[in-house]
Amino acid sequence: MNLSSAITELSWMRVAIALAIIYLARVLFINPGEKRSTNDDEEETFPEPMAKGDLTLAQLREYDGRDETKPILLAAKGIIFDVTRGRDFYGKGGPYNAFTGIDCSRALGKVSLEEENLCADVSDFAASERDALNGWVAKFEDKYPVVGKVTDGKYNGKF
């Protein structure tokens, strides 16, 4: 195993550990007394998927999860994903709500929820951060519909 693959493996382990901690904290500490549905036949309803079309950053901000009648969108690498089906994570009060309504490329690559990383600037990324961002985009592409691109975005990576 070379140094580069060891660093990439460590980055993915950090991501997995962070996700596990966030999930456990959410289950144990956020609304611990909230009654959970035991009826498996109950299905959550979602708005129709966002119609395909490119958006400006100002338009994208309208889909940040605050309005439950609208889809929830986020962008990574300038690509807009409809993450509405992940409402528990991306909706209002969700652990990843900060990623919605923006191009969150930097935050994904740095595995960070820090305010200064909630942007599209990846100009100073190390290889491991590029790999982490590409991994997130691949996961989004597998799980959520692509609905367009950010027309006036600041994404500055070529990977």
N, C-alpha and C. Protein backbone atom coordinates (compact mmCIF):
# COMPACT_ATOMS: atom_id res chain seq x y z
N MET A 1 0.86 -1.17 0.00
CA MET A 1 0.00 0.00 0.00
C MET A 1 0.90 1.23 0.00
N ASN A 2 0.70 2.12 -0.97
CA ASN A 2 1.51 3.33 -1.00
C ASN A 2 0.88 4.43 -0.15
N LEU A 3 1.60 5.50 0.03
CA LEU A 3 1.17 6.60 0.92
C LEU A 3 -0.13 7.22 0.44
N SER A 4 -0.26 7.41 -0.86
CA SER A 4 -1.47 8.04 -1.40
C SER A 4 -2.72 7.22 -1.10
N SER A 5 -2.64 5.90 -1.31
CA SER A 5 -3.82 5.07 -1.05
C SER A 5 -4.09 4.97 0.45
N ALA A 6 -3.05 5.04 1.26
CA ALA A 6 -3.25 5.02 2.72
C ALA A 6 -3.97 6.28 3.17
N ILE A 7 -3.58 7.43 2.61
CA ILE A 7 -4.25 8.70 2.96
C ILE A 7 -5.70 8.66 2.52
N THR A 8 -5.96 8.17 1.30
CA THR A 8 -7.33 8.08 0.80
C THR A 8 -8.16 7.16 1.70
N GLU A 9 -7.59 6.02 2.09
CA GLU A 9 -8.30 5.10 2.97
C GLU A 9 -8.60 5.75 4.31
N LEU A 10 -7.66 6.50 4.86
CA LEU A 10 -7.88 7.21 6.12
C LEU A 10 -8.96 8.27 5.96
N SER A 11 -8.99 8.97 4.81
CA SER A 11 -10.02 9.99 4.58
C SER A 11 -11.40 9.35 4.58
N TRP A 12 -11.54 8.22 3.93
CA TRP A 12 -12.85 7.55 3.88
C TRP A 12 -13.24 7.04 5.26
N MET A 13 -12.26 6.59 6.03
CA MET A 13 -12.58 6.15 7.39
C MET A 13 -13.04 7.33 8.23
N ARG A 14 -12.41 8.51 8.07
CA ARG A 14 -12.86 9.70 8.79
C ARG A 14 -14.29 10.05 8.41
N VAL A 15 -14.60 9.95 7.12
CA VAL A 15 -15.96 10.25 6.67
C VAL A 15 -16.95 9.27 7.30
N ALA A 16 -16.62 7.98 7.27
CA ALA A 16 -17.51 6.97 7.83
C ALA A 16 -17.72 7.17 9.33
N ILE A 17 -16.65 7.47 10.04
CA ILE A 17 -16.75 7.70 11.49
C ILE A 17 -17.58 8.95 11.76
N ALA A 18 -17.35 10.02 11.01
CA ALA A 18 -18.12 11.25 11.21
C ALA A 18 -19.61 11.01 10.96
N LEU A 19 -19.93 10.28 9.90
CA LEU A 19 -21.33 9.98 9.60
C LEU A 19 -21.97 9.14 10.71
N ALA A 20 -21.24 8.17 11.21
CA ALA A 20 -21.76 7.32 12.29
C ALA A 20 -22.02 8.15 13.55
N ILE A 21 -21.11 9.04 13.87
CA ILE A 21 -21.27 9.88 15.06
C ILE A 21 -22.47 10.80 14.90
N ILE A 22 -22.60 11.42 13.74
CA ILE A 22 -23.75 12.31 13.49
C ILE A 22 -25.05 11.53 13.58
N TYR A 23 -25.09 10.35 12.98
CA TYR A 23 -26.31 9.54 13.02
C TYR A 23 -26.67 9.17 14.47
N LEU A 24 -25.70 8.69 15.22
CA LEU A 24 -25.97 8.31 16.61
C LEU A 24 -26.39 9.50 17.45
N ALA A 25 -25.73 10.63 17.26
CA ALA A 25 -26.12 11.83 18.02
C ALA A 25 -27.55 12.23 17.68
N ARG A 26 -27.89 12.14 16.43
CA ARG A 26 -29.26 12.49 16.00
C ARG A 26 -30.28 11.55 16.62
N VAL A 27 -30.00 10.26 16.59
CA VAL A 27 -30.94 9.28 17.14
C VAL A 27 -31.05 9.41 18.66
N LEU A 28 -29.92 9.60 19.33
CA LEU A 28 -29.91 9.60 20.79
C LEU A 28 -30.26 10.93 21.43
N PHE A 29 -29.87 12.04 20.79
CA PHE A 29 -29.98 13.31 21.48
C PHE A 29 -30.96 14.31 20.86
N ILE A 30 -31.25 14.20 19.60
CA ILE A 30 -32.18 15.14 18.98
C ILE A 30 -33.56 14.51 19.00
N ASN A 31 -34.45 15.12 19.72
CA ASN A 31 -35.82 14.63 19.89
C ASN A 31 -35.86 13.17 20.36
N PRO A 32 -35.14 12.82 21.44
CA PRO A 32 -35.11 11.43 21.88
C PRO A 32 -36.49 10.92 22.32
N GLY A 33 -37.37 11.80 22.75
CA GLY A 33 -38.69 11.37 23.18
C GLY A 33 -39.71 11.33 22.05
N GLU A 34 -39.29 11.72 20.86
CA GLU A 34 -40.20 11.77 19.74
C GLU A 34 -40.70 10.36 19.40
N LYS A 35 -42.00 10.23 19.25
CA LYS A 35 -42.59 8.94 18.95
C LYS A 35 -42.30 8.58 17.50
N ARG A 36 -41.74 7.42 17.29
CA ARG A 36 -41.43 6.96 15.94
C ARG A 36 -42.53 6.05 15.45
N SER A 37 -42.82 6.16 14.17
CA SER A 37 -43.88 5.35 13.58
C SER A 37 -43.47 3.89 13.54
N THR A 38 -44.40 3.02 13.91
CA THR A 38 -44.12 1.58 13.84
C THR A 38 -44.87 0.94 12.70
N ASN A 39 -45.64 1.72 11.96
CA ASN A 39 -46.41 1.19 10.85
C ASN A 39 -45.56 1.19 9.59
N ASP A 40 -45.14 0.00 9.15
CA ASP A 40 -44.28 -0.11 7.97
C ASP A 40 -45.01 0.25 6.69
N ASP A 41 -46.35 0.25 6.70
CA ASP A 41 -47.11 0.57 5.50
C ASP A 41 -47.16 2.07 5.23
N GLU A 42 -46.81 2.87 6.25
CA GLU A 42 -46.80 4.31 6.09
C GLU A 42 -45.61 4.71 5.24
N GLU A 43 -45.87 5.46 4.18
CA GLU A 43 -44.78 5.95 3.36
C GLU A 43 -44.77 7.46 3.40
N GLU A 44 -43.58 8.00 3.53
CA GLU A 44 -43.45 9.45 3.52
C GLU A 44 -43.69 9.95 2.11
N THR A 45 -44.39 11.06 2.00
CA THR A 45 -44.64 11.63 0.68
C THR A 45 -43.64 12.74 0.42
N PHE A 46 -43.25 12.85 -0.81
CA PHE A 46 -42.28 13.85 -1.24
C PHE A 46 -42.87 14.64 -2.39
N PRO A 47 -42.45 15.89 -2.54
CA PRO A 47 -42.90 16.63 -3.72
C PRO A 47 -42.35 15.95 -4.98
N GLU A 48 -42.96 16.25 -6.10
CA GLU A 48 -42.46 15.72 -7.36
C GLU A 48 -41.00 16.13 -7.54
N PRO A 49 -40.19 15.26 -8.18
CA PRO A 49 -38.80 15.65 -8.41
C PRO A 49 -38.74 16.98 -9.18
N MET A 50 -37.73 17.71 -8.91
CA MET A 50 -37.52 19.00 -9.58
C MET A 50 -37.43 18.77 -11.08
N ALA A 51 -38.10 19.61 -11.84
CA ALA A 51 -37.99 19.52 -13.30
C ALA A 51 -36.56 19.86 -13.69
N LYS A 52 -36.05 19.16 -14.70
CA LYS A 52 -34.68 19.41 -15.13
C LYS A 52 -34.53 20.81 -15.69
N GLY A 53 -33.46 21.44 -15.30
CA GLY A 53 -33.17 22.78 -15.78
C GLY A 53 -32.06 23.40 -14.96
N ASP A 54 -31.26 24.21 -15.60
CA ASP A 54 -30.17 24.89 -14.92
C ASP A 54 -30.70 26.02 -14.05
N LEU A 55 -29.96 26.33 -12.97
CA LEU A 55 -30.37 27.38 -12.05
C LEU A 55 -29.19 28.30 -11.74
N THR A 56 -29.51 29.53 -11.39
CA THR A 56 -28.50 30.44 -10.87
C THR A 56 -28.33 30.13 -9.39
N LEU A 57 -27.29 30.67 -8.79
CA LEU A 57 -27.10 30.49 -7.34
C LEU A 57 -28.27 31.08 -6.56
N ALA A 58 -28.79 32.22 -7.00
CA ALA A 58 -29.93 32.83 -6.32
C ALA A 58 -31.16 31.92 -6.38
N GLN A 59 -31.39 31.30 -7.52
CA GLN A 59 -32.52 30.37 -7.64
C GLN A 59 -32.31 29.12 -6.80
N LEU A 60 -31.08 28.62 -6.77
CA LEU A 60 -30.75 27.42 -6.00
C LEU A 60 -31.03 27.63 -4.51
N ARG A 61 -30.77 28.83 -4.01
CA ARG A 61 -30.98 29.13 -2.59
C ARG A 61 -32.42 28.92 -2.14
N GLU A 62 -33.36 28.99 -3.07
CA GLU A 62 -34.79 28.82 -2.73
C GLU A 62 -35.12 27.37 -2.37
N TYR A 63 -34.22 26.44 -2.62
CA TYR A 63 -34.48 25.02 -2.42
C TYR A 63 -33.60 24.46 -1.30
N ASP A 64 -33.59 25.15 -0.16
CA ASP A 64 -32.72 24.80 0.96
C ASP A 64 -33.40 23.98 2.05
N GLY A 65 -34.60 23.50 1.80
CA GLY A 65 -35.28 22.64 2.77
C GLY A 65 -36.20 23.34 3.74
N ARG A 66 -36.22 24.67 3.71
CA ARG A 66 -37.11 25.39 4.64
C ARG A 66 -38.57 25.26 4.25
N ASP A 67 -38.86 25.23 2.96
CA ASP A 67 -40.22 25.10 2.47
C ASP A 67 -40.46 23.65 2.09
N GLU A 68 -41.26 22.95 2.91
CA GLU A 68 -41.47 21.51 2.71
C GLU A 68 -42.27 21.18 1.45
N THR A 69 -42.83 22.18 0.80
CA THR A 69 -43.56 21.93 -0.45
C THR A 69 -42.64 21.96 -1.66
N LYS A 70 -41.40 22.39 -1.45
CA LYS A 70 -40.43 22.46 -2.55
C LYS A 70 -39.41 21.34 -2.42
N PRO A 71 -38.85 20.92 -3.55
CA PRO A 71 -37.74 19.96 -3.49
C PRO A 71 -36.55 20.55 -2.74
N ILE A 72 -35.68 19.68 -2.26
CA ILE A 72 -34.45 20.10 -1.60
C ILE A 72 -33.30 19.83 -2.56
N LEU A 73 -32.53 20.88 -2.85
CA LEU A 73 -31.45 20.77 -3.83
C LEU A 73 -30.12 21.14 -3.21
N LEU A 74 -29.07 20.51 -3.72
CA LEU A 74 -27.70 20.93 -3.42
C LEU A 74 -26.89 20.74 -4.68
N ALA A 75 -25.80 21.47 -4.76
CA ALA A 75 -24.91 21.34 -5.90
C ALA A 75 -23.53 20.92 -5.42
N ALA A 76 -22.89 20.10 -6.23
CA ALA A 76 -21.50 19.69 -6.00
C ALA A 76 -20.83 19.64 -7.37
N LYS A 77 -19.68 20.28 -7.46
CA LYS A 77 -18.97 20.39 -8.73
C LYS A 77 -19.84 21.06 -9.79
N GLY A 78 -20.73 21.96 -9.36
CA GLY A 78 -21.60 22.68 -10.28
C GLY A 78 -22.79 21.89 -10.76
N ILE A 79 -22.93 20.64 -10.31
CA ILE A 79 -24.05 19.76 -10.70
C ILE A 79 -25.11 19.83 -9.61
N ILE A 80 -26.36 20.05 -10.02
CA ILE A 80 -27.45 20.17 -9.03
C ILE A 80 -28.15 18.83 -8.87
N PHE A 81 -28.28 18.41 -7.60
CA PHE A 81 -28.93 17.15 -7.24
C PHE A 81 -30.21 17.44 -6.45
N ASP A 82 -31.26 16.68 -6.73
CA ASP A 82 -32.49 16.76 -5.95
C ASP A 82 -32.37 15.73 -4.83
N VAL A 83 -32.10 16.19 -3.61
CA VAL A 83 -31.87 15.31 -2.46
C VAL A 83 -33.10 15.22 -1.56
N THR A 84 -34.25 15.51 -2.11
CA THR A 84 -35.49 15.53 -1.33
C THR A 84 -35.74 14.20 -0.63
N ARG A 85 -35.43 13.10 -1.25
CA ARG A 85 -35.65 11.79 -0.63
C ARG A 85 -34.76 11.58 0.59
N GLY A 86 -33.76 12.39 0.74
CA GLY A 86 -32.90 12.36 1.92
C GLY A 86 -33.29 13.47 2.90
N ARG A 87 -34.57 13.80 2.95
CA ARG A 87 -35.07 14.91 3.76
C ARG A 87 -34.60 14.85 5.21
N ASP A 88 -34.52 13.65 5.78
CA ASP A 88 -34.08 13.53 7.18
C ASP A 88 -32.66 14.08 7.37
N PHE A 89 -31.83 13.97 6.35
CA PHE A 89 -30.46 14.46 6.42
C PHE A 89 -30.33 15.90 5.93
N TYR A 90 -31.05 16.23 4.84
CA TYR A 90 -30.84 17.51 4.17
C TYR A 90 -31.94 18.54 4.45
N GLY A 91 -33.07 18.11 4.98
CA GLY A 91 -34.17 19.04 5.24
C GLY A 91 -33.91 19.93 6.44
N LYS A 92 -34.87 20.81 6.69
CA LYS A 92 -34.77 21.74 7.81
C LYS A 92 -34.51 20.97 9.10
N GLY A 93 -33.46 21.35 9.82
CA GLY A 93 -33.09 20.69 11.06
C GLY A 93 -32.23 19.45 10.87
N GLY A 94 -32.02 19.02 9.63
CA GLY A 94 -31.20 17.84 9.37
C GLY A 94 -29.72 18.14 9.52
N PRO A 95 -28.91 17.12 9.78
CA PRO A 95 -27.48 17.34 10.03
C PRO A 95 -26.71 17.91 8.83
N TYR A 96 -27.22 17.72 7.61
CA TYR A 96 -26.54 18.22 6.42
C TYR A 96 -27.32 19.33 5.74
N ASN A 97 -28.25 19.96 6.44
CA ASN A 97 -29.03 21.04 5.84
C ASN A 97 -28.15 22.18 5.37
N ALA A 98 -27.00 22.38 5.99
CA ALA A 98 -26.10 23.47 5.58
C ALA A 98 -25.62 23.30 4.14
N PHE A 99 -25.67 22.09 3.59
CA PHE A 99 -25.22 21.84 2.23
C PHE A 99 -26.25 22.24 1.18
N THR A 100 -27.49 22.47 1.60
CA THR A 100 -28.57 22.68 0.64
C THR A 100 -28.68 24.12 0.20
N GLY A 101 -29.15 24.29 -1.03
CA GLY A 101 -29.34 25.62 -1.59
C GLY A 101 -28.05 26.29 -2.03
N ILE A 102 -26.94 25.56 -2.03
CA ILE A 102 -25.63 26.11 -2.41
C ILE A 102 -24.84 25.05 -3.18
N ASP A 103 -23.70 25.46 -3.73
CA ASP A 103 -22.73 24.50 -4.23
C ASP A 103 -21.77 24.25 -3.07
N CYS A 104 -21.85 23.07 -2.51
CA CYS A 104 -21.10 22.74 -1.28
C CYS A 104 -19.86 21.90 -1.57
N SER A 105 -19.28 22.06 -2.74
CA SER A 105 -18.12 21.25 -3.15
C SER A 105 -16.99 21.26 -2.12
N ARG A 106 -16.63 22.43 -1.63
CA ARG A 106 -15.52 22.53 -0.69
C ARG A 106 -15.83 21.77 0.60
N ALA A 107 -17.02 21.94 1.14
CA ALA A 107 -17.40 21.27 2.38
C ALA A 107 -17.36 19.76 2.22
N LEU A 108 -17.82 19.26 1.08
CA LEU A 108 -17.80 17.81 0.85
C LEU A 108 -16.37 17.28 0.77
N GLY A 109 -15.52 17.98 0.04
CA GLY A 109 -14.14 17.54 -0.10
C GLY A 109 -13.36 17.61 1.21
N LYS A 110 -13.69 18.59 2.02
CA LYS A 110 -13.00 18.75 3.31
C LYS A 110 -13.72 18.01 4.43
N VAL A 111 -14.87 17.40 4.12
CA VAL A 111 -15.69 16.71 5.11
C VAL A 111 -15.89 17.66 6.30
N SER A 112 -16.51 18.79 6.00
CA SER A 112 -16.63 19.86 6.98
C SER A 112 -17.99 20.52 6.90
N LEU A 113 -18.48 20.93 8.03
CA LEU A 113 -19.69 21.74 8.10
C LEU A 113 -19.36 23.17 8.53
N GLU A 114 -18.09 23.51 8.57
CA GLU A 114 -17.66 24.85 8.96
C GLU A 114 -18.14 25.86 7.93
N GLU A 115 -18.60 27.01 8.41
CA GLU A 115 -19.15 28.07 7.56
C GLU A 115 -18.21 28.44 6.40
N GLU A 116 -16.92 28.57 6.69
CA GLU A 116 -15.98 29.01 5.64
C GLU A 116 -15.81 27.96 4.53
N ASN A 117 -16.23 26.74 4.77
CA ASN A 117 -16.12 25.70 3.75
C ASN A 117 -17.41 25.48 2.97
N LEU A 118 -18.44 26.21 3.28
CA LEU A 118 -19.73 26.06 2.59
C LEU A 118 -19.73 26.90 1.31
N CYS A 119 -18.92 26.45 0.35
CA CYS A 119 -18.78 27.16 -0.92
C CYS A 119 -18.27 26.18 -1.98
N ALA A 120 -18.06 26.70 -3.17
CA ALA A 120 -17.63 25.86 -4.29
C ALA A 120 -16.14 25.91 -4.57
N ASP A 121 -15.39 26.76 -3.86
CA ASP A 121 -13.97 26.95 -4.14
C ASP A 121 -13.14 25.73 -3.74
N VAL A 122 -12.55 25.10 -4.73
CA VAL A 122 -11.70 23.93 -4.48
C VAL A 122 -10.29 24.14 -5.05
N SER A 123 -9.93 25.38 -5.28
CA SER A 123 -8.66 25.70 -5.94
C SER A 123 -7.43 25.21 -5.18
N ASP A 124 -7.53 25.05 -3.87
CA ASP A 124 -6.37 24.64 -3.07
C ASP A 124 -6.47 23.20 -2.58
N PHE A 125 -7.31 22.40 -3.19
CA PHE A 125 -7.53 21.03 -2.72
C PHE A 125 -6.31 20.14 -2.92
N ALA A 126 -6.07 19.30 -1.93
CA ALA A 126 -5.08 18.23 -2.03
C ALA A 126 -5.74 17.05 -2.75
N ALA A 127 -4.95 16.10 -3.16
CA ALA A 127 -5.47 14.94 -3.89
C ALA A 127 -6.53 14.19 -3.07
N SER A 128 -6.30 14.06 -1.77
CA SER A 128 -7.26 13.33 -0.93
C SER A 128 -8.60 14.07 -0.85
N GLU A 129 -8.57 15.39 -0.87
CA GLU A 129 -9.81 16.17 -0.84
C GLU A 129 -10.55 16.06 -2.18
N ARG A 130 -9.81 16.06 -3.27
CA ARG A 130 -10.43 15.85 -4.60
C ARG A 130 -11.09 14.48 -4.63
N ASP A 131 -10.40 13.48 -4.10
CA ASP A 131 -10.95 12.12 -4.08
C ASP A 131 -12.22 12.06 -3.23
N ALA A 132 -12.21 12.73 -2.09
CA ALA A 132 -13.39 12.73 -1.23
C ALA A 132 -14.56 13.40 -1.94
N LEU A 133 -14.33 14.54 -2.58
CA LEU A 133 -15.39 15.23 -3.33
C LEU A 133 -15.92 14.35 -4.45
N ASN A 134 -15.02 13.74 -5.21
CA ASN A 134 -15.45 12.87 -6.30
C ASN A 134 -16.25 11.68 -5.78
N GLY A 135 -15.88 11.17 -4.62
CA GLY A 135 -16.63 10.07 -4.01
C GLY A 135 -18.04 10.49 -3.63
N TRP A 136 -18.18 11.68 -3.05
CA TRP A 136 -19.52 12.19 -2.71
C TRP A 136 -20.37 12.38 -3.96
N VAL A 137 -19.77 12.96 -5.00
CA VAL A 137 -20.53 13.19 -6.24
C VAL A 137 -20.98 11.86 -6.83
N ALA A 138 -20.12 10.85 -6.80
CA ALA A 138 -20.50 9.52 -7.30
C ALA A 138 -21.66 8.95 -6.50
N LYS A 139 -21.63 9.13 -5.17
CA LYS A 139 -22.73 8.65 -4.33
C LYS A 139 -24.03 9.38 -4.65
N PHE A 140 -23.93 10.71 -4.82
CA PHE A 140 -25.12 11.48 -5.16
C PHE A 140 -25.68 11.02 -6.51
N GLU A 141 -24.80 10.80 -7.48
CA GLU A 141 -25.25 10.37 -8.81
C GLU A 141 -25.96 9.02 -8.75
N ASP A 142 -25.53 8.14 -7.85
CA ASP A 142 -26.17 6.83 -7.69
C ASP A 142 -27.51 6.92 -6.98
N LYS A 143 -27.65 7.90 -6.09
CA LYS A 143 -28.82 7.94 -5.20
C LYS A 143 -29.87 8.99 -5.57
N TYR A 144 -29.44 10.13 -6.12
CA TYR A 144 -30.35 11.25 -6.33
C TYR A 144 -30.35 11.70 -7.79
N PRO A 145 -31.50 12.19 -8.26
CA PRO A 145 -31.54 12.67 -9.65
C PRO A 145 -30.74 13.96 -9.85
N VAL A 146 -30.05 14.01 -10.97
CA VAL A 146 -29.38 15.24 -11.40
C VAL A 146 -30.44 16.07 -12.09
N VAL A 147 -30.58 17.33 -11.65
CA VAL A 147 -31.64 18.17 -12.23
C VAL A 147 -31.10 19.34 -13.05
N GLY A 148 -29.80 19.56 -13.03
CA GLY A 148 -29.24 20.64 -13.82
C GLY A 148 -27.86 21.02 -13.37
N LYS A 149 -27.45 22.21 -13.80
CA LYS A 149 -26.15 22.77 -13.44
C LYS A 149 -26.35 24.19 -12.91
N VAL A 150 -25.37 24.64 -12.15
CA VAL A 150 -25.38 26.01 -11.65
C VAL A 150 -24.79 26.89 -12.76
N THR A 151 -25.58 27.84 -13.25
CA THR A 151 -25.15 28.64 -14.40
C THR A 151 -24.13 29.73 -14.05
N ASP A 152 -24.17 30.24 -12.84
CA ASP A 152 -23.25 31.31 -12.46
C ASP A 152 -22.42 30.91 -11.25
N GLY A 153 -22.15 29.61 -11.13
CA GLY A 153 -21.45 29.10 -9.97
C GLY A 153 -19.97 29.43 -9.95
N LYS A 154 -19.38 29.21 -8.81
CA LYS A 154 -17.97 29.52 -8.59
C LYS A 154 -17.10 28.25 -8.51
N TYR A 155 -17.66 27.11 -8.90
CA TYR A 155 -16.86 25.88 -8.87
C TYR A 155 -15.67 26.05 -9.80
N ASN A 156 -14.47 25.83 -9.29
CA ASN A 156 -13.27 26.09 -10.07
C ASN A 156 -12.36 24.87 -10.18
N GLY A 157 -12.92 23.70 -10.06
CA GLY A 157 -12.13 22.48 -10.21
C GLY A 157 -12.35 21.87 -11.58
N LYS A 158 -11.42 21.05 -11.99
CA LYS A 158 -11.54 20.40 -13.29
C LYS A 158 -11.60 18.89 -13.16
N PHE A 159 -11.74 18.40 -11.94
CA PHE A 159 -11.71 16.96 -11.70
C PHE A 159 -13.10 16.43 -11.54
